[in-house]
Amino acid sequence: MLKKLKKNEYNWTFQYIKEYNDMVAYYEKQLEEKDKTIDLLRAENLKLKKSNKFQSKIKQISDKDILKIRKLKDEGKSYNFISKETGWSKATISRVINNKSGIY
């Protein structure tokens, strides 16, 4: 079945297996590098999520702020002016003034 190769014959199966193993090793190395990059990005993502810069607003609007917003609107002030005065967004001011959901 398998003949022993003579010294001058080309051993293609050995060469094929060697090239295949080299190729597999190269791709495994590439995958390891990608995994390291992914781990670094995940760690950075967690770090950014924990930082205050990306935290959602925890503070809830107080009754005092609601009364101030309504008072300023009754005086004819614009949403932009009220936003600058109170520090609340125009959308929040609109929700307080219109109060369709009955929360405020």
N, C-alpha and C. Protein backbone atom coordinates (compact mmCIF):
# COMPACT_ATOMS: atom_id res chain seq x y z
N MET A 1 0.82 -1.18 0.00
CA MET A 1 0.00 0.00 0.00
C MET A 1 0.87 1.25 0.00
N LEU A 2 1.42 1.58 1.14
CA LEU A 2 2.30 2.74 1.18
C LEU A 2 3.73 2.28 0.93
N LYS A 3 4.28 2.85 -0.08
CA LYS A 3 5.67 2.52 -0.37
C LYS A 3 6.57 3.48 0.37
N LYS A 4 7.68 3.00 0.73
CA LYS A 4 8.65 3.88 1.34
C LYS A 4 9.23 4.75 0.24
N LEU A 5 9.26 6.06 0.49
CA LEU A 5 9.73 6.98 -0.53
C LEU A 5 11.24 6.93 -0.65
N LYS A 6 11.65 7.08 -1.87
CA LYS A 6 13.08 7.17 -2.10
C LYS A 6 13.53 8.57 -1.75
N LYS A 7 14.81 8.76 -1.60
CA LYS A 7 15.35 10.03 -1.18
C LYS A 7 15.01 11.17 -2.13
N ASN A 8 14.93 10.93 -3.39
CA ASN A 8 14.71 12.00 -4.36
C ASN A 8 13.23 12.23 -4.68
N GLU A 9 12.33 11.43 -4.16
CA GLU A 9 10.91 11.63 -4.42
C GLU A 9 10.34 12.69 -3.47
N TYR A 10 9.38 13.44 -3.99
CA TYR A 10 8.77 14.53 -3.23
C TYR A 10 7.65 13.95 -2.35
N ASN A 11 7.71 14.19 -1.08
CA ASN A 11 6.70 13.69 -0.15
C ASN A 11 5.59 14.73 -0.04
N TRP A 12 4.62 14.69 -0.94
CA TRP A 12 3.57 15.72 -1.00
C TRP A 12 2.62 15.65 0.18
N THR A 13 2.36 14.47 0.72
CA THR A 13 1.43 14.39 1.86
C THR A 13 2.02 15.06 3.09
N PHE A 14 3.31 14.84 3.30
CA PHE A 14 3.96 15.51 4.44
C PHE A 14 3.92 17.02 4.26
N GLN A 15 4.23 17.46 3.05
CA GLN A 15 4.24 18.90 2.77
C GLN A 15 2.83 19.49 2.91
N TYR A 16 1.84 18.77 2.44
CA TYR A 16 0.45 19.24 2.52
C TYR A 16 0.02 19.38 3.98
N ILE A 17 0.32 18.38 4.79
CA ILE A 17 -0.04 18.42 6.21
C ILE A 17 0.70 19.54 6.92
N LYS A 18 1.97 19.72 6.58
CA LYS A 18 2.76 20.80 7.19
C LYS A 18 2.16 22.17 6.86
N GLU A 19 1.81 22.38 5.59
CA GLU A 19 1.21 23.66 5.18
C GLU A 19 -0.15 23.87 5.84
N TYR A 20 -0.92 22.79 5.93
CA TYR A 20 -2.22 22.87 6.58
C TYR A 20 -2.06 23.26 8.05
N ASN A 21 -1.14 22.63 8.74
CA ASN A 21 -0.90 22.95 10.16
C ASN A 21 -0.41 24.37 10.34
N ASP A 22 0.44 24.83 9.43
CA ASP A 22 0.91 26.22 9.48
C ASP A 22 -0.26 27.19 9.31
N MET A 23 -1.14 26.87 8.36
CA MET A 23 -2.30 27.71 8.10
C MET A 23 -3.23 27.74 9.33
N VAL A 24 -3.47 26.60 9.92
CA VAL A 24 -4.33 26.52 11.11
C VAL A 24 -3.71 27.32 12.25
N ALA A 25 -2.41 27.19 12.44
CA ALA A 25 -1.73 27.94 13.51
C ALA A 25 -1.84 29.44 13.27
N TYR A 26 -1.71 29.87 12.02
CA TYR A 26 -1.83 31.29 11.69
C TYR A 26 -3.23 31.81 12.04
N TYR A 27 -4.26 31.08 11.64
CA TYR A 27 -5.63 31.52 11.92
C TYR A 27 -5.97 31.45 13.40
N GLU A 28 -5.42 30.48 14.10
CA GLU A 28 -5.64 30.43 15.55
C GLU A 28 -5.00 31.63 16.24
N LYS A 29 -3.83 32.03 15.76
CA LYS A 29 -3.17 33.21 16.31
C LYS A 29 -4.00 34.46 16.03
N GLN A 30 -4.55 34.55 14.83
CA GLN A 30 -5.41 35.69 14.48
C GLN A 30 -6.64 35.73 15.39
N LEU A 31 -7.24 34.57 15.63
CA LEU A 31 -8.41 34.50 16.49
C LEU A 31 -8.08 34.91 17.92
N GLU A 32 -6.93 34.49 18.41
CA GLU A 32 -6.51 34.88 19.76
C GLU A 32 -6.33 36.39 19.86
N GLU A 33 -5.74 36.99 18.83
CA GLU A 33 -5.57 38.45 18.83
C GLU A 33 -6.92 39.15 18.82
N LYS A 34 -7.85 38.64 18.02
CA LYS A 34 -9.20 39.23 17.98
C LYS A 34 -9.89 39.08 19.33
N ASP A 35 -9.74 37.93 19.97
CA ASP A 35 -10.34 37.71 21.28
C ASP A 35 -9.78 38.69 22.31
N LYS A 36 -8.47 38.93 22.25
CA LYS A 36 -7.86 39.90 23.16
C LYS A 36 -8.42 41.29 22.93
N THR A 37 -8.57 41.65 21.65
CA THR A 37 -9.13 42.96 21.31
C THR A 37 -10.56 43.08 21.81
N ILE A 38 -11.34 42.03 21.64
CA ILE A 38 -12.73 42.03 22.10
C ILE A 38 -12.79 42.18 23.62
N ASP A 39 -11.91 41.47 24.32
CA ASP A 39 -11.88 41.58 25.79
C ASP A 39 -11.52 42.99 26.23
N LEU A 40 -10.54 43.60 25.55
CA LEU A 40 -10.16 44.97 25.89
C LEU A 40 -11.32 45.94 25.65
N LEU A 41 -12.03 45.75 24.53
CA LEU A 41 -13.16 46.62 24.22
C LEU A 41 -14.30 46.43 25.22
N ARG A 42 -14.53 45.20 25.63
CA ARG A 42 -15.57 44.95 26.64
C ARG A 42 -15.23 45.64 27.96
N ALA A 43 -13.96 45.54 28.35
CA ALA A 43 -13.53 46.19 29.59
C ALA A 43 -13.68 47.71 29.49
N GLU A 44 -13.32 48.26 28.34
CA GLU A 44 -13.47 49.70 28.14
C GLU A 44 -14.94 50.10 28.15
N ASN A 45 -15.78 49.27 27.55
CA ASN A 45 -17.22 49.54 27.51
C ASN A 45 -17.80 49.56 28.92
N LEU A 46 -17.41 48.60 29.75
CA LEU A 46 -17.88 48.58 31.14
C LEU A 46 -17.39 49.80 31.90
N LYS A 47 -16.15 50.18 31.66
CA LYS A 47 -15.58 51.36 32.32
C LYS A 47 -16.38 52.61 31.94
N LEU A 48 -16.72 52.73 30.66
CA LEU A 48 -17.49 53.90 30.22
C LEU A 48 -18.91 53.88 30.79
N LYS A 49 -19.50 52.71 30.88
CA LYS A 49 -20.85 52.62 31.44
C LYS A 49 -20.87 53.02 32.91
N LYS A 50 -19.78 52.73 33.62
CA LYS A 50 -19.72 53.07 35.04
C LYS A 50 -19.39 54.54 35.28
N SER A 51 -18.83 55.20 34.28
CA SER A 51 -18.46 56.60 34.47
C SER A 51 -19.72 57.47 34.53
N ASN A 52 -19.62 58.59 35.20
CA ASN A 52 -20.77 59.48 35.39
C ASN A 52 -21.23 60.11 34.09
N LYS A 53 -20.35 60.20 33.13
CA LYS A 53 -20.68 60.88 31.87
C LYS A 53 -21.85 60.21 31.15
N PHE A 54 -21.95 58.89 31.26
CA PHE A 54 -22.98 58.17 30.53
C PHE A 54 -24.11 57.67 31.41
N GLN A 55 -24.19 58.14 32.63
CA GLN A 55 -25.27 57.74 33.53
C GLN A 55 -26.54 58.52 33.17
N SER A 56 -27.66 57.86 33.28
CA SER A 56 -28.93 58.55 33.06
C SER A 56 -29.23 59.43 34.27
N LYS A 57 -30.13 60.34 34.06
CA LYS A 57 -30.47 61.27 35.13
C LYS A 57 -31.21 60.54 36.24
N ILE A 58 -30.67 60.58 37.43
CA ILE A 58 -31.27 59.89 38.57
C ILE A 58 -32.29 60.79 39.25
N LYS A 59 -32.01 62.07 39.26
CA LYS A 59 -32.84 63.04 39.96
C LYS A 59 -34.24 63.10 39.33
N GLN A 60 -35.24 63.12 40.16
CA GLN A 60 -36.61 63.28 39.70
C GLN A 60 -37.04 64.72 39.92
N ILE A 61 -37.94 65.18 39.09
CA ILE A 61 -38.40 66.57 39.20
C ILE A 61 -39.21 66.75 40.48
N SER A 62 -38.94 67.83 41.17
CA SER A 62 -39.61 68.07 42.45
C SER A 62 -40.86 68.93 42.24
N ASP A 63 -41.72 68.95 43.26
CA ASP A 63 -42.92 69.78 43.20
C ASP A 63 -42.56 71.25 43.08
N LYS A 64 -41.48 71.64 43.73
CA LYS A 64 -41.01 73.02 43.67
C LYS A 64 -40.66 73.40 42.22
N ASP A 65 -39.96 72.49 41.52
CA ASP A 65 -39.61 72.75 40.12
C ASP A 65 -40.85 72.81 39.24
N ILE A 66 -41.82 71.94 39.50
CA ILE A 66 -43.06 71.93 38.72
C ILE A 66 -43.78 73.27 38.88
N LEU A 67 -43.89 73.74 40.11
CA LEU A 67 -44.55 75.03 40.36
C LEU A 67 -43.80 76.17 39.68
N LYS A 68 -42.48 76.13 39.72
CA LYS A 68 -41.67 77.18 39.09
C LYS A 68 -41.87 77.17 37.58
N ILE A 69 -41.91 75.97 36.97
CA ILE A 69 -42.12 75.85 35.53
C ILE A 69 -43.48 76.41 35.15
N ARG A 70 -44.51 76.03 35.88
CA ARG A 70 -45.87 76.53 35.57
C ARG A 70 -45.97 78.03 35.76
N LYS A 71 -45.32 78.56 36.80
CA LYS A 71 -45.34 80.00 37.05
C LYS A 71 -44.67 80.75 35.90
N LEU A 72 -43.51 80.26 35.46
CA LEU A 72 -42.81 80.91 34.35
C LEU A 72 -43.62 80.84 33.06
N LYS A 73 -44.30 79.73 32.83
CA LYS A 73 -45.13 79.60 31.62
C LYS A 73 -46.32 80.54 31.70
N ASP A 74 -46.92 80.68 32.89
CA ASP A 74 -48.04 81.61 33.05
C ASP A 74 -47.61 83.05 32.82
N GLU A 75 -46.33 83.33 33.10
CA GLU A 75 -45.79 84.67 32.84
C GLU A 75 -45.49 84.87 31.36
N GLY A 76 -45.66 83.84 30.55
CA GLY A 76 -45.47 83.96 29.11
C GLY A 76 -44.06 83.66 28.64
N LYS A 77 -43.26 83.03 29.48
CA LYS A 77 -41.88 82.71 29.10
C LYS A 77 -41.86 81.52 28.15
N SER A 78 -40.83 81.49 27.30
CA SER A 78 -40.70 80.41 26.31
C SER A 78 -40.11 79.15 26.97
N TYR A 79 -40.28 78.03 26.26
CA TYR A 79 -39.72 76.77 26.75
C TYR A 79 -38.20 76.89 26.89
N ASN A 80 -37.57 77.56 25.93
CA ASN A 80 -36.12 77.73 25.95
C ASN A 80 -35.68 78.51 27.19
N PHE A 81 -36.38 79.58 27.50
CA PHE A 81 -36.05 80.39 28.67
C PHE A 81 -36.25 79.58 29.96
N ILE A 82 -37.39 78.87 30.03
CA ILE A 82 -37.69 78.06 31.21
C ILE A 82 -36.64 76.96 31.38
N SER A 83 -36.21 76.38 30.26
CA SER A 83 -35.19 75.34 30.30
C SER A 83 -33.89 75.87 30.88
N LYS A 84 -33.50 77.06 30.46
CA LYS A 84 -32.26 77.66 30.98
C LYS A 84 -32.40 78.04 32.45
N GLU A 85 -33.58 78.48 32.85
CA GLU A 85 -33.81 78.88 34.25
C GLU A 85 -33.80 77.69 35.20
N THR A 86 -34.46 76.62 34.79
CA THR A 86 -34.66 75.49 35.70
C THR A 86 -33.64 74.37 35.55
N GLY A 87 -33.02 74.28 34.38
CA GLY A 87 -32.06 73.20 34.13
C GLY A 87 -32.71 71.93 33.60
N TRP A 88 -34.01 71.95 33.41
CA TRP A 88 -34.71 70.80 32.85
C TRP A 88 -34.80 70.94 31.34
N SER A 89 -34.92 69.82 30.65
CA SER A 89 -35.00 69.84 29.19
C SER A 89 -36.34 70.40 28.74
N LYS A 90 -36.37 70.83 27.49
CA LYS A 90 -37.62 71.36 26.93
C LYS A 90 -38.70 70.28 26.89
N ALA A 91 -38.28 69.04 26.66
CA ALA A 91 -39.26 67.94 26.63
C ALA A 91 -39.90 67.75 28.00
N THR A 92 -39.11 67.83 29.07
CA THR A 92 -39.65 67.69 30.43
C THR A 92 -40.58 68.86 30.73
N ILE A 93 -40.18 70.05 30.33
CA ILE A 93 -41.01 71.23 30.55
C ILE A 93 -42.34 71.08 29.82
N SER A 94 -42.28 70.58 28.60
CA SER A 94 -43.50 70.36 27.83
C SER A 94 -44.41 69.35 28.53
N ARG A 95 -43.83 68.27 29.06
CA ARG A 95 -44.64 67.27 29.77
C ARG A 95 -45.27 67.85 31.02
N VAL A 96 -44.54 68.72 31.72
CA VAL A 96 -45.08 69.33 32.94
C VAL A 96 -46.22 70.28 32.58
N ILE A 97 -46.02 71.10 31.55
CA ILE A 97 -47.03 72.10 31.19
C ILE A 97 -48.28 71.45 30.61
N ASN A 98 -48.10 70.52 29.69
CA ASN A 98 -49.26 69.89 29.04
C ASN A 98 -49.91 68.84 29.95
N ASN A 99 -49.12 68.10 30.70
CA ASN A 99 -49.58 67.14 31.70
C ASN A 99 -50.73 66.26 31.21
N LYS A 100 -50.58 65.70 30.02
CA LYS A 100 -51.63 64.85 29.46
C LYS A 100 -51.77 63.54 30.24
N SER A 101 -50.66 63.05 30.79
CA SER A 101 -50.72 61.77 31.50
C SER A 101 -51.14 61.92 32.95
N GLY A 102 -51.20 63.14 33.45
CA GLY A 102 -51.63 63.39 34.82
C GLY A 102 -50.58 63.07 35.87
N ILE A 103 -49.33 62.95 35.47
CA ILE A 103 -48.27 62.62 36.43
C ILE A 103 -47.87 63.85 37.23
N TYR A 104 -47.84 65.01 36.59
CA TYR A 104 -47.31 66.21 37.23
C TYR A 104 -48.42 66.99 37.85
